[in-house]
C-alpha atoms as a PDB file:
ATOM      1  CA  MET A   1    -181.257 -47.466-136.010  1.00  0.00           C
ATOM      2  CA  ASN A   2    -179.697 -50.057-133.679  1.00  0.00           C
ATOM      3  CA  ASP A   3    -176.552 -50.020-135.803  1.00  0.00           C
ATOM      4  CA  GLU A   4    -176.294 -46.227-135.402  1.00  0.00           C
ATOM      5  CA  ARG A   5    -176.824 -46.508-131.638  1.00  0.00           C
ATOM      6  CA  ASP A   6    -174.168 -49.243-131.402  1.00  0.00           C
ATOM      7  CA  ASN A   7    -171.712 -47.063-133.356  1.00  0.00           C
ATOM      8  CA  GLU A   8    -172.387 -44.141-131.021  1.00  0.00           C
ATOM      9  CA  ASN A   9    -171.732 -46.383-128.005  1.00  0.00           C
ATOM     10  CA  ASP A  10    -168.511 -47.633-129.588  1.00  0.00           C
ATOM     11  CA  ASP A  11    -167.374 -44.069-130.267  1.00  0.00           C
ATOM     12  CA  ARG A  12    -168.226 -43.073-126.712  1.00  0.00           C
ATOM     13  CA  SER A  13    -166.293 -46.055-125.324  1.00  0.00           C
ATOM     14  CA  ARG A  14    -163.264 -45.216-127.465  1.00  0.00           C
ATOM     15  CA  ARG A  15    -163.347 -41.596-126.348  1.00  0.00           C
ATOM     16  CA  GLU A  16    -163.614 -42.640-122.706  1.00  0.00           C
ATOM     17  CA  ALA A  17    -160.714 -45.029-123.184  1.00  0.00           C
ATOM     18  CA  ILE A  18    -158.659 -42.315-124.828  1.00  0.00           C
ATOM     19  CA  ASP A  19    -159.595 -39.817-122.116  1.00  0.00           C
ATOM     20  CA  SER A  20    -158.687 -42.386-119.481  1.00  0.00           C
ATOM     21  CA  GLY A  21    -155.364 -43.048-121.205  1.00  0.00           C
ATOM     22  CA  ASP A  22    -154.670 -39.319-121.490  1.00  0.00           C
ATOM     23  CA  THR A  23    -155.388 -38.893-117.804  1.00  0.00           C
ATOM     24  CA  LYS A  24    -153.083 -41.781-116.874  1.00  0.00           C
ATOM     25  CA  GLU A  25    -150.351 -40.516-119.188  1.00  0.00           C
ATOM     26  CA  HIS A  26    -150.697 -37.043-117.740  1.00  0.00           C
ATOM     27  CA  GLY A  27    -150.467 -38.489-114.233  1.00  0.00           C
ATOM     28  CA  ASP A  28    -147.355 -40.491-115.150  1.00  0.00           C
ATOM     29  CA  LYS A  29    -145.715 -37.405-116.630  1.00  0.00           C
ATOM     30  CA  ALA A  30    -146.562 -35.348-113.576  1.00  0.00           C
ATOM     31  CA  HIS A  31    -145.141 -38.050-111.298  1.00  0.00           C
ATOM     32  CA  ALA A  32    -141.969 -38.297-113.392  1.00  0.00           C
ATOM     33  CA  GLN A  33    -141.600 -34.521-113.327  1.00  0.00           C
ATOM     34  CA  GLU A  34    -142.039 -34.510-109.568  1.00  0.00           C
ATOM     35  CA  GLN A  35    -139.367 -37.170-109.210  1.00  0.00           C
ATOM     36  CA  ARG A  36    -137.004 -35.117-111.372  1.00  0.00           C
ATOM     37  CA  PHE A  37    -137.594 -32.109-109.133  1.00  0.00           C
ATOM     38  CA  GLU A  38    -136.870 -34.239-106.068  1.00  0.00           C
ATOM     39  CA  HIS A  39    -133.638 -35.553-107.592  1.00  0.00           C
ATOM     40  CA  ALA A  40    -132.669 -32.009-108.564  1.00  0.00           C
ATOM     41  CA  ARG A  41    -133.274 -30.830-104.993  1.00  0.00           C
ATOM     42  CA  ASP A  42    -131.221 -33.731-103.613  1.00  0.00           C
ATOM     43  CA  PHE A  43    -128.413 -33.038-106.065  1.00  0.00           C
ATOM     44  CA  THR A  44    -128.403 -29.324-105.273  1.00  0.00           C
ATOM     45  CA  GLU A  45    -128.335 -30.078-101.565  1.00  0.00           C
ATOM     46  CA  GLN A  46    -125.399 -32.456-101.968  1.00  0.00           C
ATOM     47  CA  ASP A  47    -123.605 -29.962-104.191  1.00  0.00           C
ATOM     48  CA  ARG A  48    -124.191 -27.244-101.615  1.00  0.00           C
ATOM     49  CA  ASP A  49    -122.779 -29.485 -98.875  1.00  0.00           C
ATOM     50  CA  LEU A  50    -119.724 -30.302-101.016  1.00  0.00           C
ATOM     51  CA  THR A  51    -119.145 -26.625-101.768  1.00  0.00           C
ATOM     52  CA  ALA A  52    -119.380 -25.775 -98.077  1.00  0.00           C
ATOM     53  CA  GLU A  53    -116.949 -28.576 -97.212  1.00  0.00           C
ATOM     54  CA  ARG A  54    -114.418 -27.378 -99.779  1.00  0.00           C
ATOM     55  CA  GLN A  55    -114.795 -23.782 -98.636  1.00  0.00           C
ATOM     56  CA  LYS A  56    -114.167 -24.808 -95.034  1.00  0.00           C
ATOM     57  CA  LYS A  57    -110.972 -26.633 -95.999  1.00  0.00           C
ATOM     58  CA  ALA A  58    -109.792 -23.579 -97.928  1.00  0.00           C
ATOM     59  CA  GLU A  59    -110.466 -21.373 -94.907  1.00  0.00           C
ATOM     60  CA  ILE A  60    -108.513 -23.725 -92.623  1.00  0.00           C
ATOM     61  CA  VAL A  61    -105.461 -23.675 -94.902  1.00  0.00           C
ATOM     62  CA  GLU A  62    -105.749 -19.889 -95.207  1.00  0.00           C
ATOM     63  CA  GLU A  63    -105.762 -19.566 -91.424  1.00  0.00           C
ATOM     64  CA  MET A  64    -102.827 -21.952 -90.928  1.00  0.00           C
ATOM     65  CA  VAL A  65    -100.517 -20.194 -93.381  1.00  0.00           C
ATOM     66  CA  SER A  66    -101.542 -16.657 -92.427  1.00  0.00           C
ATOM     67  CA  LYS A  67    -100.967 -17.442 -88.762  1.00  0.00           C
ATOM     68  CA  ASP A  68     -97.707 -19.368 -88.968  1.00  0.00           C
ATOM     69  CA  PHE A  69     -95.700 -17.484 -91.620  1.00  0.00           C
ATOM     70  CA  PRO A  70     -94.310 -13.928 -91.672  1.00  0.00           C
ATOM     71  CA  LEU A  71     -96.800 -12.310 -94.040  1.00  0.00           C
ATOM     72  CA  SER A  72     -95.939  -8.665 -93.521  1.00  0.00           C
ATOM     73  CA  SER A  73     -96.876  -7.260 -96.916  1.00  0.00           C
ATOM     74  CA  GLU A  74    -100.222  -5.612 -97.593  1.00  0.00           C
ATOM     75  CA  LYS A  75    -100.417  -7.188-101.053  1.00  0.00           C
ATOM     76  CA  ARG A  76    -101.353 -10.695 -99.908  1.00  0.00           C
ATOM     77  CA  LEU A  77    -104.416 -12.506-101.050  1.00  0.00           C
ATOM     78  CA  ASP A  78    -106.311 -13.063 -97.824  1.00  0.00           C
ATOM     79  CA  ASN A  79    -109.495 -14.697 -99.007  1.00  0.00           C
ATOM     80  CA  ALA A  80    -110.139 -18.435 -99.247  1.00  0.00           C
ATOM     81  CA  LYS A  81    -112.389 -17.857-102.258  1.00  0.00           C
ATOM     82  CA  ASP A  82    -109.237 -17.743-104.407  1.00  0.00           C
ATOM     83  CA  PHE A  83    -108.400 -21.308-103.386  1.00  0.00           C
ATOM     84  CA  HIS A  84    -110.295 -24.148-105.087  1.00  0.00           C
ATOM     85  CA  TYR A  85    -110.731 -27.855-104.425  1.00  0.00           C
ATOM     86  CA  ALA A  86    -111.853 -29.818-107.473  1.00  0.00           C
ATOM     87  CA  ASP A  87    -112.670 -33.409-108.334  1.00  0.00           C
ATOM     88  CA  THR A  88    -110.440 -35.198-110.854  1.00  0.00           C
ATOM     89  CA  ARG A  89    -112.427 -34.095-113.908  1.00  0.00           C
ATOM     90  CA  GLU A  90    -112.800 -30.476-112.797  1.00  0.00           C
ATOM     91  CA  PHE A  91    -109.123 -30.320-111.884  1.00  0.00           C
ATOM     92  CA  GLY A  92    -108.021 -31.731-115.250  1.00  0.00           C
ATOM     93  CA  ASN A  93    -110.217 -29.246-117.099  1.00  0.00           C
ATOM     94  CA  GLU A  94    -108.777 -26.307-115.161  1.00  0.00           C
ATOM     95  CA  LEU A  95    -105.205 -27.485-115.714  1.00  0.00           C
ATOM     96  CA  GLU A  96    -105.795 -27.925-119.432  1.00  0.00           C
ATOM     97  CA  LYS A  97    -107.531 -24.547-119.705  1.00  0.00           C
ATOM     98  CA  ARG A  98    -104.660 -22.761-117.980  1.00  0.00           C
ATOM     99  CA  ASP A  99    -101.860 -24.801-119.511  1.00  0.00           C
ATOM    100  CA  GLY A 100    -102.571 -25.777-123.105  1.00  0.00           C
ATOM    101  CA  ALA A 101     -99.527 -28.059-123.127  1.00  0.00           C
ATOM    102  CA  ALA A 102    -100.813 -30.192-120.216  1.00  0.00           C
ATOM    103  CA  THR A 103    -100.983 -33.887-121.130  1.00  0.00           C
ATOM    104  CA  GLU A 104    -103.239 -36.603-119.737  1.00  0.00           C
ATOM    105  CA  GLU A 105    -100.238 -37.783-117.722  1.00  0.00           C
ATOM    106  CA  ASP A 106     -99.830 -34.271-116.302  1.00  0.00           C
ATOM    107  CA  LYS A 107    -103.481 -34.276-115.275  1.00  0.00           C
ATOM    108  CA  ARG A 108    -103.091 -37.645-113.583  1.00  0.00           C
ATOM    109  CA  LEU A 109     -99.883 -36.862-111.697  1.00  0.00           C
ATOM    110  CA  THR A 110    -100.476 -33.228-110.757  1.00  0.00           C
ATOM    111  CA  GLU A 111    -102.010 -32.790-107.296  1.00  0.00           C
ATOM    112  CA  GLY A 112    -102.194 -29.007-107.232  1.00  0.00           C
ATOM    113  CA  PHE A 113    -101.124 -25.890-109.093  1.00  0.00           C
ATOM    114  CA  TYR A 114    -101.061 -22.136-108.747  1.00  0.00           C
ATOM    115  CA  ASP A 115    -101.827 -19.785-111.625  1.00  0.00           C
ATOM    116  CA  SER A 116     -99.838 -16.592-111.089  1.00  0.00           C
ATOM    117  CA  GLY A 117    -101.826 -14.903-113.873  1.00  0.00           C
ATOM    118  CA  ASP A 118    -105.015 -14.512-111.835  1.00  0.00           C
ATOM    119  CA  LYS A 119    -103.591 -15.740-108.506  1.00  0.00           C
ATOM    120  CA  GLN A 120    -105.941 -18.729-108.273  1.00  0.00           C
ATOM    121  CA  ALA A 121    -104.862 -21.996-106.652  1.00  0.00           C
ATOM    122  CA  PHE A 122    -106.337 -25.433-107.393  1.00  0.00           C
ATOM    123  CA  VAL A 123    -105.979 -28.704-105.478  1.00  0.00           C
ATOM    124  CA  LYS A 124    -107.247 -32.123-106.501  1.00  0.00           C
ATOM    125  CA  ASN A 125    -109.773 -33.036-103.819  1.00  0.00           C
ATOM    126  CA  GLU A 126    -108.780 -36.637-103.179  1.00  0.00           C
ATOM    127  CA  GLY A 127    -106.532 -38.518-100.785  1.00  0.00           C
ATOM    128  CA  ASP A 128    -104.192 -36.611 -98.475  1.00  0.00           C
ATOM    129  CA  THR A 129    -104.447 -33.003 -99.605  1.00  0.00           C
ATOM    130  CA  LEU A 130    -103.031 -31.124 -96.605  1.00  0.00           C
ATOM    131  CA  LYS A 131     -99.402 -30.732 -97.701  1.00  0.00           C
ATOM    132  CA  THR A 132    -100.427 -30.009-101.293  1.00  0.00           C
ATOM    133  CA  SER A 133    -102.898 -27.409-100.047  1.00  0.00           C
ATOM    134  CA  ILE A 134    -100.272 -25.681 -97.913  1.00  0.00           C
ATOM    135  CA  HIS A 135     -97.792 -25.785-100.804  1.00  0.00           C
ATOM    136  CA  GLU A 136    -100.212 -24.046-103.184  1.00  0.00           C
ATOM    137  CA  LYS A 137    -101.365 -21.596-100.503  1.00  0.00           C
ATOM    138  CA  LEU A 138     -97.728 -20.623 -99.898  1.00  0.00           C
ATOM    139  CA  HIS A 139     -97.330 -19.933-103.616  1.00  0.00           C
ATOM    140  CA  GLN A 140    -100.418 -17.762-103.366  1.00  0.00           C
ATOM    141  CA  LYS A 141     -99.015 -15.802-100.421  1.00  0.00           C
ATOM    142  CA  SER A 142     -95.459 -15.537-101.724  1.00  0.00           C
ATOM    143  CA  MET A 143     -93.881 -12.535-103.407  1.00  0.00           C
ATOM    144  CA  SER A 144     -90.850 -14.587-104.388  1.00  0.00           C
ATOM    145  CA  GLU A 145     -88.717 -13.710-107.388  1.00  0.00           C
ATOM    146  CA  LEU A 146     -86.418 -16.672-106.815  1.00  0.00           C
ATOM    147  CA  PRO A 147     -85.533 -18.878-109.817  1.00  0.00           C
ATOM    148  CA  THR A 148     -88.140 -21.570-110.475  1.00  0.00           C
ATOM    149  CA  ARG A 149     -86.436 -24.614-108.956  1.00  0.00           C
ATOM    150  CA  THR A 150     -85.176 -22.683-105.914  1.00  0.00           C
ATOM    151  CA  ASN A 151     -88.650 -21.254-105.452  1.00  0.00           C
ATOM    152  CA  GLU A 152     -90.257 -24.707-105.643  1.00  0.00           C
ATOM    153  CA  GLY A 153     -87.708 -26.064-103.197  1.00  0.00           C
ATOM    154  CA  VAL A 154     -88.439 -23.318-100.657  1.00  0.00           C
ATOM    155  CA  THR A 155     -92.201 -23.739-101.106  1.00  0.00           C
ATOM    156  CA  GLU A 156     -92.094 -27.471-100.509  1.00  0.00           C
ATOM    157  CA  TYR A 157     -89.606 -27.113 -97.643  1.00  0.00           C
ATOM    158  CA  LEU A 158     -91.927 -24.697 -95.830  1.00  0.00           C
ATOM    159  CA  ALA A 159     -95.026 -26.766 -96.663  1.00  0.00           C
ATOM    160  CA  ARG A 160     -93.508 -29.854 -95.087  1.00  0.00           C
ATOM    161  CA  GLN A 161     -92.557 -27.917 -91.997  1.00  0.00           C
ATOM    162  CA  GLU A 162     -96.144 -26.709 -91.633  1.00  0.00           C
ATOM    163  CA  ALA A 163     -97.804 -30.044 -92.419  1.00  0.00           C
ATOM    164  CA  GLY A 164     -95.419 -31.967 -90.169  1.00  0.00           C
ATOM    165  CA  SER A 165     -95.768 -35.741 -90.074  1.00  0.00           C
ATOM    166  CA  ILE A 166     -99.275 -35.475 -91.545  1.00  0.00           C
ATOM    167  CA  GLY A 167     -97.753 -34.478 -94.850  1.00  0.00           C
ATOM    168  CA  ASP A 168     -95.224 -37.313 -95.015  1.00  0.00           C
ATOM    169  CA  LEU A 169     -97.090 -40.491 -95.961  1.00  0.00           C
ATOM    170  CA  LYS A 170     -94.998 -43.628 -96.175  1.00  0.00           C
ATOM    171  CA  ASN A 171     -94.934 -45.739 -99.312  1.00  0.00           C
ATOM    172  CA  ILE A 172     -96.349 -49.067 -98.097  1.00  0.00           C
ATOM    173  CA  ASP A 173     -96.729 -52.204-100.210  1.00  0.00           C
ATOM    174  CA  SER A 174     -99.553 -54.775 -99.967  1.00  0.00           C
ATOM    175  CA  ARG A 175     -97.720 -56.624 -97.170  1.00  0.00           C
ATOM    176  CA  GLY A 176     -97.257 -53.533 -95.043  1.00  0.00           C
ATOM    177  CA  ARG A 177     -93.586 -53.053 -95.874  1.00  0.00           C
ATOM    178  CA  ASP A 178     -92.141 -49.556 -96.092  1.00  0.00           C
ATOM    179  CA  ILE A 179     -90.727 -49.132 -99.610  1.00  0.00           C
ATOM    180  CA  PRO A 180     -88.010 -46.505-100.131  1.00  0.00           C
ATOM    181  CA  LYS A 181     -89.269 -44.019-102.706  1.00  0.00           C
ATOM    182  CA  PRO A 182     -86.975 -42.763-105.463  1.00  0.00           C
ATOM    183  CA  LEU A 183     -85.808 -39.215-104.840  1.00  0.00           C
ATOM    184  CA  SER A 184     -87.962 -36.867-106.868  1.00  0.00           C
ATOM    185  CA  ASP A 185     -86.924 -33.371-107.935  1.00  0.00           C
ATOM    186  CA  TYR A 186     -88.950 -32.025-105.016  1.00  0.00           C
ATOM    187  CA  GLU A 187     -87.060 -34.229-102.572  1.00  0.00           C
ATOM    188  CA  ARG A 188     -83.697 -33.049-103.906  1.00  0.00           C
ATOM    189  CA  GLU A 189     -84.758 -29.404-103.969  1.00  0.00           C
ATOM    190  CA  VAL A 190     -86.043 -29.651-100.403  1.00  0.00           C
ATOM    191  CA  ASN A 191     -82.717 -31.211 -99.411  1.00  0.00           C
ATOM    192  CA  ILE A 192     -80.796 -28.257-100.890  1.00  0.00           C
ATOM    193  CA  VAL A 193     -83.071 -25.695 -99.207  1.00  0.00           C
ATOM    194  CA  GLY A 194     -82.567 -27.554 -95.925  1.00  0.00           C
ATOM    195  CA  LYS A 195     -78.821 -27.125 -96.360  1.00  0.00           C
ATOM    196  CA  LEU A 196     -79.299 -23.406 -97.066  1.00  0.00           C
ATOM    197  CA  ASP A 197     -81.450 -23.103 -93.942  1.00  0.00           C
ATOM    198  CA  ALA A 198     -78.702 -24.736 -91.883  1.00  0.00           C
ATOM    199  CA  LEU A 199     -76.176 -22.393 -93.493  1.00  0.00           C
ATOM    200  CA  VAL A 200     -77.880 -18.993 -93.129  1.00  0.00           C
ATOM    201  CA  GLY A 201     -81.053 -19.561 -91.067  1.00  0.00           C
ATOM    202  CA  ASP A 202     -84.701 -19.085 -91.962  1.00  0.00           C
ATOM    203  CA  LYS A 203     -84.927 -15.279 -91.849  1.00  0.00           C
ATOM    204  CA  PRO A 204     -83.051 -14.632 -95.123  1.00  0.00           C
ATOM    205  CA  ILE A 205     -85.059 -17.408 -96.795  1.00  0.00           C
ATOM    206  CA  ASN A 206     -88.334 -15.938 -95.545  1.00  0.00           C
ATOM    207  CA  SER A 207     -87.308 -12.452 -96.691  1.00  0.00           C
ATOM    208  CA  ALA A 208     -86.597 -13.740-100.185  1.00  0.00           C
ATOM    209  CA  TYR A 209     -89.718 -15.885-100.380  1.00  0.00           C
ATOM    210  CA  PHE A 210     -92.405 -13.812 -98.689  1.00  0.00           C
ATOM    211  CA  ASP A 211     -91.171 -10.287 -99.397  1.00  0.00           C
ATOM    212  CA  GLY A 212     -89.302 -10.741-102.675  1.00  0.00           C
ATOM    213  CA  LYS A 213     -85.973  -9.695-101.162  1.00  0.00           C
ATOM    214  CA  THR A 214     -83.766 -12.097-103.082  1.00  0.00           C
ATOM    215  CA  GLU A 215     -80.741  -9.873-102.451  1.00  0.00           C
ATOM    216  CA  VAL A 216     -80.996 -10.567 -98.690  1.00  0.00           C
ATOM    217  CA  LEU A 217     -80.676 -14.318 -99.216  1.00  0.00           C
ATOM    218  CA  ARG A 218     -77.984 -13.816-101.861  1.00  0.00           C
ATOM    219  CA  GLU A 219     -75.913 -11.664 -99.491  1.00  0.00           C
ATOM    220  CA  HIS A 220     -76.140 -14.137 -96.624  1.00  0.00           C
ATOM    221  CA  VAL A 221     -75.235 -17.141 -98.791  1.00  0.00           C
ATOM    222  CA  ASP A 222     -72.327 -15.339-100.469  1.00  0.00           C
ATOM    223  CA  ASN A 223     -71.013 -14.132 -97.104  1.00  0.00           C
ATOM    224  CA  ALA A 224     -71.171 -17.653 -95.693  1.00  0.00           C
ATOM    225  CA  LEU A 225     -69.499 -19.232 -98.734  1.00  0.00           C
ATOM    226  CA  SER A 226     -67.921 -16.939-101.338  1.00  0.00           C
ATOM    227  CA  GLU A 227     -68.945 -14.260-103.817  1.00  0.00           C
ATOM    228  CA  GLY A 228     -71.245 -15.656-106.496  1.00  0.00           C
ATOM    229  CA  SER A 229     -72.114 -18.840-104.592  1.00  0.00           C
ATOM    230  CA  PHE A 230     -75.855 -18.133-104.457  1.00  0.00           C
ATOM    231  CA  GLN A 231     -75.982 -17.685-108.239  1.00  0.00           C
ATOM    232  CA  LYS A 232     -74.038 -20.896-108.782  1.00  0.00           C
ATOM    233  CA  ILE A 233     -76.389 -22.824-106.500  1.00  0.00           C
ATOM    234  CA  SER A 234     -79.454 -21.369-108.245  1.00  0.00           C
ATOM    235  CA  ASP A 235     -78.029 -22.158-111.687  1.00  0.00           C
ATOM    236  CA  ALA A 236     -77.280 -25.732-110.644  1.00  0.00           C
ATOM    237  CA  LEU A 237     -80.842 -26.167-109.347  1.00  0.00           C
ATOM    238  CA  GLU A 238     -82.302 -24.822-112.603  1.00  0.00           C
ATOM    239  CA  LYS A 239     -80.298 -27.493-114.432  1.00  0.00           C
ATOM    240  CA  ARG A 240     -81.438 -30.057-111.836  1.00  0.00           C
ATOM    241  CA  ASP A 241     -77.758 -30.638-111.045  1.00  0.00           C
ATOM    242  CA  TYR A 242     -78.436 -31.264-107.386  1.00  0.00           C
ATOM    243  CA  ASP A 243     -75.046 -32.804-106.613  1.00  0.00           C
ATOM    244  CA  THR A 244     -73.234 -29.658-107.707  1.00  0.00           C
ATOM    245  CA  ALA A 245     -75.583 -27.451-105.686  1.00  0.00           C
ATOM    246  CA  ALA A 246     -74.943 -29.589-102.602  1.00  0.00           C
ATOM    247  CA  GLU A 247     -71.182 -29.551-103.145  1.00  0.00           C
ATOM    248  CA  ILE A 248     -71.109 -25.737-103.293  1.00  0.00           C
ATOM    249  CA  ILE A 249     -72.911 -25.501 -99.936  1.00  0.00           C
ATOM    250  CA  GLU A 250     -70.935 -28.281 -98.295  1.00  0.00           C
ATOM    251  CA  LYS A 251     -67.610 -26.784 -99.419  1.00  0.00           C
ATOM    252  CA  ARG A 252     -67.703 -24.597 -96.317  1.00  0.00           C
ATOM    253  CA  ASN A 253     -67.632 -27.626 -94.045  1.00  0.00           C
ATOM    254  CA  LYS A 254     -64.772 -29.188 -95.993  1.00  0.00           C
ATOM    255  CA  THR A 255     -62.669 -26.048 -95.686  1.00  0.00           C
END
């Protein structure tokens, strides 16, 4: 009889121990779940703040470009929701999705791009993004039918005018010395567009870029130089033959 009673006590003790363990385990799980909910709330809050910050930047760029450039056409995109800031990973994914030929080097070097297919603009949200943002916003607002390199030159030329000194960061080494940067294609294209601006003024350039009136710019350039000069300059830019393009424009001064 005592043996049976002892066994019953042992069984009861084991059950109590198990019940106690179950209760503790349940409490631990509940606490862990609560912590996960708290982390999720924190993450969502941070994500919401980041989204709001990016949206505000997009709205500022939208306002700058819409205010300072001659956007007369009704067909403009006028909503900052079509303009996206993305971290490095998000940006690389978007670039790869929209350009299947994009390499890892392209993802690393590209700071912004505009997809004319659905009129969405993307900017890598790191470092100094103002000039890049204005550049891509101008693409978004433009109705240009200019050849690619001429179009890029005009876009960057206008973006630098709008960004001013904020958009021109110096290349400084570890000792604070200003290092001359090699002339990129953008630099050379901007230089050519600057020469065209000095030659014919900004109105024909704006007409071609913002309203798609390439013939207006063509007429002014050909009148200032000679028949066919605009086409020759555009062809030289497409070939990245910047010296020839400059020589055609400068010929007027020589004569």
